[in-house]
């Protein structure tokens, strides 16, 4: 059983690299324990926990994500 792909992708997109490995490891560990009781609930809780990490201290710095619009 794997955690939800969209939640994992979102975590990898926003999370700073220096925190990602530790956070991901913790989330996977809890997920594996909870999936034994209920896979559906474990997936829901995994996604919820990913959203809880969406805080300023864990968010990457996004610079120049989009090129400036050309003006005439």
PDB file of N, CA and C in Angstrom:
ATOM      1  N   UNK A   1       0.849  -1.184   0.000  1.00  0.00           N
ATOM      2  CA  UNK A   1       0.000   0.000   0.000  1.00  0.00           C
ATOM      3  C   UNK A   1       0.890   1.241   0.000  1.00  0.00           C
ATOM      4  N   UNK A   2       0.587   2.159  -0.895  1.00  0.00           N
ATOM      5  CA  UNK A   2       1.354   3.396  -1.033  1.00  0.00           C
ATOM      6  C   UNK A   2       0.505   4.588  -0.598  1.00  0.00           C
ATOM      7  N   UNK A   3       1.141   5.634  -0.098  1.00  0.00           N
ATOM      8  CA  UNK A   3       0.395   6.845   0.251  1.00  0.00           C
ATOM      9  C   UNK A   3      -0.127   7.530  -1.009  1.00  0.00           C
ATOM     10  N   UNK A   4      -1.056   8.442  -0.856  1.00  0.00           N
ATOM     11  CA  UNK A   4      -1.629   9.127  -2.027  1.00  0.00           C
ATOM     12  C   UNK A   4      -0.558   9.866  -2.831  1.00  0.00           C
ATOM     13  N   UNK A   5      -0.545   9.630  -4.133  1.00  0.00           N
ATOM     14  CA  UNK A   5       0.471  10.222  -5.001  1.00  0.00           C
ATOM     15  C   UNK A   5       0.377  11.742  -5.051  1.00  0.00           C
ATOM     16  N   UNK A   6      -0.820  12.263  -5.121  1.00  0.00           N
ATOM     17  CA  UNK A   6      -0.996  13.720  -5.228  1.00  0.00           C
ATOM     18  C   UNK A   6      -0.472  14.418  -3.972  1.00  0.00           C
ATOM     19  N   UNK A   7      -0.740  13.861  -2.819  1.00  0.00           N
ATOM     20  CA  UNK A   7      -0.255  14.462  -1.572  1.00  0.00           C
ATOM     21  C   UNK A   7       1.264  14.420  -1.530  1.00  0.00           C
ATOM     22  N   UNK A   8       1.843  13.324  -1.949  1.00  0.00           N
ATOM     23  CA  UNK A   8       3.297  13.180  -1.969  1.00  0.00           C
ATOM     24  C   UNK A   8       3.935  14.147  -2.969  1.00  0.00           C
ATOM     25  N   UNK A   9       3.323  14.296  -4.134  1.00  0.00           N
ATOM     26  CA  UNK A   9       3.818  15.249  -5.117  1.00  0.00           C
ATOM     27  C   UNK A   9       3.756  16.675  -4.594  1.00  0.00           C
ATOM     28  N   UNK A  10       2.670  16.991  -3.919  1.00  0.00           N
ATOM     29  CA  UNK A  10       2.519  18.331  -3.360  1.00  0.00           C
ATOM     30  C   UNK A  10       3.594  18.597  -2.300  1.00  0.00           C
ATOM     31  N   UNK A  11       3.839  17.629  -1.443  1.00  0.00           N
ATOM     32  CA  UNK A  11       4.876  17.757  -0.427  1.00  0.00           C
ATOM     33  C   UNK A  11       6.230  18.009  -1.081  1.00  0.00           C
ATOM     34  N   UNK A  12       6.564  17.230  -2.080  1.00  0.00           N
ATOM     35  CA  UNK A  12       7.857  17.364  -2.759  1.00  0.00           C
ATOM     36  C   UNK A  12       7.960  18.683  -3.525  1.00  0.00           C
ATOM     37  N   UNK A  13       6.838  19.227  -3.940  1.00  0.00           N
ATOM     38  CA  UNK A  13       6.846  20.495  -4.663  1.00  0.00           C
ATOM     39  C   UNK A  13       7.134  21.675  -3.735  1.00  0.00           C
ATOM     40  N   UNK A  14       6.470  21.720  -2.571  1.00  0.00           N
ATOM     41  CA  UNK A  14       6.599  22.898  -1.724  1.00  0.00           C
ATOM     42  C   UNK A  14       7.670  22.798  -0.644  1.00  0.00           C
ATOM     43  N   UNK A  15       8.035  21.621  -0.234  1.00  0.00           N
ATOM     44  CA  UNK A  15       8.902  21.456   0.937  1.00  0.00           C
ATOM     45  C   UNK A  15      10.376  21.744   0.621  1.00  0.00           C
ATOM     46  N   UNK A  16      11.009  22.474   1.527  1.00  0.00           N
ATOM     47  CA  UNK A  16      12.439  22.753   1.382  1.00  0.00           C
ATOM     48  C   UNK A  16      13.215  21.446   1.392  1.00  0.00           C
ATOM     49  N   UNK A  17      14.244  21.381   0.574  1.00  0.00           N
ATOM     50  CA  UNK A  17      15.031  20.160   0.407  1.00  0.00           C
ATOM     51  C   UNK A  17      15.671  19.693   1.707  1.00  0.00           C
ATOM     52  N   UNK A  18      16.092  20.635   2.555  1.00  0.00           N
ATOM     53  CA  UNK A  18      16.763  20.249   3.792  1.00  0.00           C
ATOM     54  C   UNK A  18      15.818  19.635   4.826  1.00  0.00           C
ATOM     55  N   UNK A  19      14.517  19.759   4.629  1.00  0.00           N
ATOM     56  CA  UNK A  19      13.531  19.144   5.524  1.00  0.00           C
ATOM     57  C   UNK A  19      12.843  17.928   4.897  1.00  0.00           C
ATOM     58  N   UNK A  20      12.866  17.846   3.589  1.00  0.00           N
ATOM     59  CA  UNK A  20      12.043  16.871   2.868  1.00  0.00           C
ATOM     60  C   UNK A  20      12.283  15.427   3.290  1.00  0.00           C
ATOM     61  N   UNK A  21      13.515  15.004   3.351  1.00  0.00           N
ATOM     62  CA  UNK A  21      13.810  13.600   3.659  1.00  0.00           C
ATOM     63  C   UNK A  21      13.278  13.204   5.047  1.00  0.00           C
ATOM     64  N   UNK A  22      13.482  14.054   6.025  1.00  0.00           N
ATOM     65  CA  UNK A  22      13.029  13.744   7.382  1.00  0.00           C
ATOM     66  C   UNK A  22      11.504  13.736   7.481  1.00  0.00           C
ATOM     67  N   UNK A  23      10.873  14.738   6.898  1.00  0.00           N
ATOM     68  CA  UNK A  23       9.403  14.825   6.946  1.00  0.00           C
ATOM     69  C   UNK A  23       8.777  13.650   6.206  1.00  0.00           C
ATOM     70  N   UNK A  24       9.288  13.370   5.017  1.00  0.00           N
ATOM     71  CA  UNK A  24       8.760  12.264   4.218  1.00  0.00           C
ATOM     72  C   UNK A  24       8.921  10.938   4.966  1.00  0.00           C
ATOM     73  N   UNK A  25      10.067  10.738   5.574  1.00  0.00           N
ATOM     74  CA  UNK A  25      10.307   9.510   6.337  1.00  0.00           C
ATOM     75  C   UNK A  25       9.342   9.351   7.493  1.00  0.00           C
ATOM     76  N   UNK A  26       9.115  10.434   8.220  1.00  0.00           N
ATOM     77  CA  UNK A  26       8.168  10.395   9.339  1.00  0.00           C
ATOM     78  C   UNK A  26       6.752  10.098   8.855  1.00  0.00           C
ATOM     79  N   UNK A  27       6.357  10.754   7.770  1.00  0.00           N
ATOM     80  CA  UNK A  27       5.014  10.525   7.236  1.00  0.00           C
ATOM     81  C   UNK A  27       4.831   9.084   6.763  1.00  0.00           C
ATOM     82  N   UNK A  28       5.840   8.534   6.103  1.00  0.00           N
ATOM     83  CA  UNK A  28       5.767   7.147   5.633  1.00  0.00           C
ATOM     84  C   UNK A  28       5.683   6.172   6.807  1.00  0.00           C
ATOM     85  N   UNK A  29       6.464   6.435   7.841  1.00  0.00           N
ATOM     86  CA  UNK A  29       6.466   5.548   9.002  1.00  0.00           C
ATOM     87  C   UNK A  29       5.090   5.489   9.659  1.00  0.00           C
ATOM     88  N   UNK A  30       4.484   6.635   9.868  1.00  0.00           N
ATOM     89  CA  UNK A  30       3.149   6.684  10.472  1.00  0.00           C
ATOM     90  C   UNK A  30       2.128   6.044   9.532  1.00  0.00           C
ATOM     91  N   UNK A  31       2.265   6.307   8.237  1.00  0.00           N
ATOM     92  CA  UNK A  31       1.340   5.736   7.253  1.00  0.00           C
ATOM     93  C   UNK A  31       1.373   4.206   7.306  1.00  0.00           C
ATOM     94  N   UNK A  32       2.568   3.633   7.333  1.00  0.00           N
ATOM     95  CA  UNK A  32       2.690   2.165   7.353  1.00  0.00           C
ATOM     96  C   UNK A  32       2.025   1.553   8.584  1.00  0.00           C
ATOM     97  N   UNK A  33       2.132   2.232   9.710  1.00  0.00           N
ATOM     98  CA  UNK A  33       1.495   1.729  10.931  1.00  0.00           C
ATOM     99  C   UNK A  33      -0.025   1.824  10.834  1.00  0.00           C
ATOM    100  N   UNK A  34      -0.511   2.948  10.314  1.00  0.00           N
ATOM    101  CA  UNK A  34      -1.955   3.171  10.260  1.00  0.00           C
ATOM    102  C   UNK A  34      -2.650   2.350   9.178  1.00  0.00           C
ATOM    103  N   UNK A  35      -1.937   2.007   8.094  1.00  0.00           N
ATOM    104  CA  UNK A  35      -2.552   1.274   7.000  1.00  0.00           C
ATOM    105  C   UNK A  35      -2.957  -0.135   7.444  1.00  0.00           C
ATOM    106  N   UNK A  36      -2.338  -0.643   8.476  1.00  0.00           N
ATOM    107  CA  UNK A  36      -2.708  -1.964   9.003  1.00  0.00           C
ATOM    108  C   UNK A  36      -4.123  -1.966   9.564  1.00  0.00           C
ATOM    109  N   UNK A  37      -4.546  -0.831  10.127  1.00  0.00           N
ATOM    110  CA  UNK A  37      -5.903  -0.734  10.679  1.00  0.00           C
ATOM    111  C   UNK A  37      -6.934  -0.400   9.604  1.00  0.00           C
ATOM    112  N   UNK A  38      -6.628   0.628   8.824  1.00  0.00           N
ATOM    113  CA  UNK A  38      -7.560   1.060   7.787  1.00  0.00           C
ATOM    114  C   UNK A  38      -6.800   1.822   6.707  1.00  0.00           C
ATOM    115  N   UNK A  39      -6.760   1.248   5.518  1.00  0.00           N
ATOM    116  CA  UNK A  39      -6.028   1.871   4.411  1.00  0.00           C
ATOM    117  C   UNK A  39      -6.653   3.206   4.020  1.00  0.00           C
ATOM    118  N   UNK A  40      -7.953   3.247   3.978  1.00  0.00           N
ATOM    119  CA  UNK A  40      -8.648   4.484   3.585  1.00  0.00           C
ATOM    120  C   UNK A  40      -8.361   5.612   4.568  1.00  0.00           C
ATOM    121  N   UNK A  41      -8.449   5.302   5.839  1.00  0.00           N
ATOM    122  CA  UNK A  41      -8.195   6.305   6.865  1.00  0.00           C
ATOM    123  C   UNK A  41      -6.728   6.731   6.857  1.00  0.00           C
ATOM    124  N   UNK A  42      -5.832   5.800   6.628  1.00  0.00           N
ATOM    125  CA  UNK A  42      -4.400   6.104   6.588  1.00  0.00           C
ATOM    126  C   UNK A  42      -4.081   7.060   5.443  1.00  0.00           C
ATOM    127  N   UNK A  43      -4.708   6.847   4.291  1.00  0.00           N
ATOM    128  CA  UNK A  43      -4.493   7.741   3.152  1.00  0.00           C
ATOM    129  C   UNK A  43      -5.014   9.140   3.452  1.00  0.00           C
ATOM    130  N   UNK A  44      -6.182   9.207   4.040  1.00  0.00           N
ATOM    131  CA  UNK A  44      -6.767  10.502   4.372  1.00  0.00           C
ATOM    132  C   UNK A  44      -5.883  11.244   5.369  1.00  0.00           C
ATOM    133  N   UNK A  45      -5.422  10.547   6.395  1.00  0.00           N
ATOM    134  CA  UNK A  45      -4.570  11.170   7.407  1.00  0.00           C
ATOM    135  C   UNK A  45      -3.226  11.592   6.831  1.00  0.00           C
ATOM    136  N   UNK A  46      -2.675  10.822   5.907  1.00  0.00           N
ATOM    137  CA  UNK A  46      -1.421  11.179   5.255  1.00  0.00           C
ATOM    138  C   UNK A  46      -1.574  12.515   4.531  1.00  0.00           C
ATOM    139  N   UNK A  47      -2.649  12.630   3.752  1.00  0.00           N
ATOM    140  CA  UNK A  47      -2.903  13.875   3.021  1.00  0.00           C
ATOM    141  C   UNK A  47      -3.086  15.048   3.976  1.00  0.00           C
ATOM    142  N   UNK A  48      -3.804  14.827   5.037  1.00  0.00           N
ATOM    143  CA  UNK A  48      -4.028  15.873   6.027  1.00  0.00           C
ATOM    144  C   UNK A  48      -2.709  16.310   6.664  1.00  0.00           C
ATOM    145  N   UNK A  49      -1.856  15.371   6.972  1.00  0.00           N
ATOM    146  CA  UNK A  49      -0.559  15.695   7.579  1.00  0.00           C
ATOM    147  C   UNK A  49       0.334  16.481   6.614  1.00  0.00           C
ATOM    148  N   UNK A  50       0.272  16.131   5.333  1.00  0.00           N
ATOM    149  CA  UNK A  50       1.034  16.890   4.332  1.00  0.00           C
ATOM    150  C   UNK A  50       0.567  18.341   4.342  1.00  0.00           C
ATOM    151  N   UNK A  51      -0.733  18.553   4.361  1.00  0.00           N
ATOM    152  CA  UNK A  51      -1.260  19.924   4.405  1.00  0.00           C
ATOM    153  C   UNK A  51      -0.819  20.663   5.665  1.00  0.00           C
ATOM    154  N   UNK A  52      -0.691  19.953   6.756  1.00  0.00           N
ATOM    155  CA  UNK A  52      -0.245  20.589   8.004  1.00  0.00           C
ATOM    156  C   UNK A  52       1.201  21.064   7.920  1.00  0.00           C
ATOM    157  N   UNK A  53       1.987  20.470   7.054  1.00  0.00           N
ATOM    158  CA  UNK A  53       3.378  20.907   6.868  1.00  0.00           C
ATOM    159  C   UNK A  53       3.483  22.109   5.935  1.00  0.00           C
ATOM    160  N   UNK A  54       2.392  22.515   5.335  1.00  0.00           N
ATOM    161  CA  UNK A  54       2.406  23.666   4.445  1.00  0.00           C
ATOM    162  C   UNK A  54       2.409  24.937   5.297  1.00  0.00           C
ATOM    163  N   UNK A  55       3.578  25.212   5.875  1.00  0.00           N
ATOM    164  CA  UNK A  55       3.787  26.371   6.745  1.00  0.00           C
ATOM    165  C   UNK A  55       5.038  27.106   6.274  1.00  0.00           C
ATOM    166  N   UNK A  56       5.141  28.381   6.595  1.00  0.00           N
ATOM    167  CA  UNK A  56       6.269  29.184   6.095  1.00  0.00           C
ATOM    168  C   UNK A  56       7.649  28.581   6.346  1.00  0.00           C
ATOM    169  N   UNK A  57       7.855  27.965   7.485  1.00  0.00           N
ATOM    170  CA  UNK A  57       9.193  27.444   7.792  1.00  0.00           C
ATOM    171  C   UNK A  57       9.592  26.246   6.925  1.00  0.00           C
ATOM    172  N   UNK A  58       8.631  25.595   6.282  1.00  0.00           N
ATOM    173  CA  UNK A  58       8.935  24.428   5.457  1.00  0.00           C
ATOM    174  C   UNK A  58       8.837  24.704   3.957  1.00  0.00           C
ATOM    175  N   UNK A  59       8.345  25.874   3.566  1.00  0.00           N
ATOM    176  CA  UNK A  59       8.105  26.173   2.156  1.00  0.00           C
ATOM    177  C   UNK A  59       9.378  26.657   1.473  1.00  0.00           C
ATOM    178  N   UNK A  60       9.621  26.110   0.289  1.00  0.00           N
ATOM    179  CA  UNK A  60      10.764  26.516  -0.526  1.00  0.00           C
ATOM    180  C   UNK A  60      10.642  27.983  -0.906  1.00  0.00           C
ATOM    181  N   UNK A  61      11.764  28.551  -1.269  1.00  0.00           N
ATOM    182  CA  UNK A  61      11.755  29.881  -1.845  1.00  0.00           C
ATOM    183  C   UNK A  61      11.641  29.705  -3.353  1.00  0.00           C
ATOM    184  N   UNK A  62      10.582  30.224  -3.901  1.00  0.00           N
ATOM    185  CA  UNK A  62      10.355  30.130  -5.340  1.00  0.00           C
ATOM    186  C   UNK A  62      10.754  31.468  -5.962  1.00  0.00           C
ATOM    187  N   UNK A  63      11.818  31.458  -6.720  1.00  0.00           N
ATOM    188  CA  UNK A  63      12.239  32.679  -7.388  1.00  0.00           C
ATOM    189  C   UNK A  63      12.190  32.474  -8.887  1.00  0.00           C
ATOM    190  N   UNK A  64      11.670  33.462  -9.548  1.00  0.00           N
ATOM    191  CA  UNK A  64      11.575  33.441 -11.010  1.00  0.00           C
ATOM    192  C   UNK A  64      10.914  32.174 -11.540  1.00  0.00           C
ATOM    193  N   UNK A  65       9.810  31.816 -10.923  1.00  0.00           N
ATOM    194  CA  UNK A  65       9.078  30.634 -11.392  1.00  0.00           C
ATOM    195  C   UNK A  65       8.514  30.864 -12.783  1.00  0.00           C
ATOM    196  N   UNK A  66       8.134  32.095 -13.034  1.00  0.00           N
ATOM    197  CA  UNK A  66       7.564  32.423 -14.333  1.00  0.00           C
ATOM    198  C   UNK A  66       8.389  33.568 -14.926  1.00  0.00           C
ATOM    199  N   UNK A  67       8.582  33.504 -16.205  1.00  0.00           N
ATOM    200  CA  UNK A  67       9.309  34.598 -16.851  1.00  0.00           C
ATOM    201  C   UNK A  67       8.405  35.828 -16.875  1.00  0.00           C
ATOM    202  N   UNK A  68       9.000  37.003 -16.776  1.00  0.00           N
ATOM    203  CA  UNK A  68       8.186  38.223 -16.787  1.00  0.00           C
ATOM    204  C   UNK A  68       7.468  38.367 -18.126  1.00  0.00           C
ATOM    205  N   UNK A  69       6.324  38.962 -18.064  1.00  0.00           N
ATOM    206  CA  UNK A  69       5.553  39.168 -19.292  1.00  0.00           C
ATOM    207  C   UNK A  69       6.224  40.244 -20.135  1.00  0.00           C
ATOM    208  N   UNK A  70       6.301  39.989 -21.389  1.00  0.00           N
ATOM    209  CA  UNK A  70       6.873  40.965 -22.307  1.00  0.00           C
ATOM    210  C   UNK A  70       5.853  42.068 -22.565  1.00  0.00           C
ATOM    211  N   UNK A  71       6.329  43.280 -22.474  1.00  0.00           N
ATOM    212  CA  UNK A  71       5.443  44.414 -22.756  1.00  0.00           C
ATOM    213  C   UNK A  71       5.846  45.025 -24.077  1.00  0.00           C
ATOM    214  N   UNK A  72       4.893  45.564 -24.775  1.00  0.00           N
ATOM    215  CA  UNK A  72       5.145  46.166 -26.083  1.00  0.00           C
ATOM    216  C   UNK A  72       5.800  47.469 -25.940  1.00  0.00           C
TER     217      UNK A  72
END
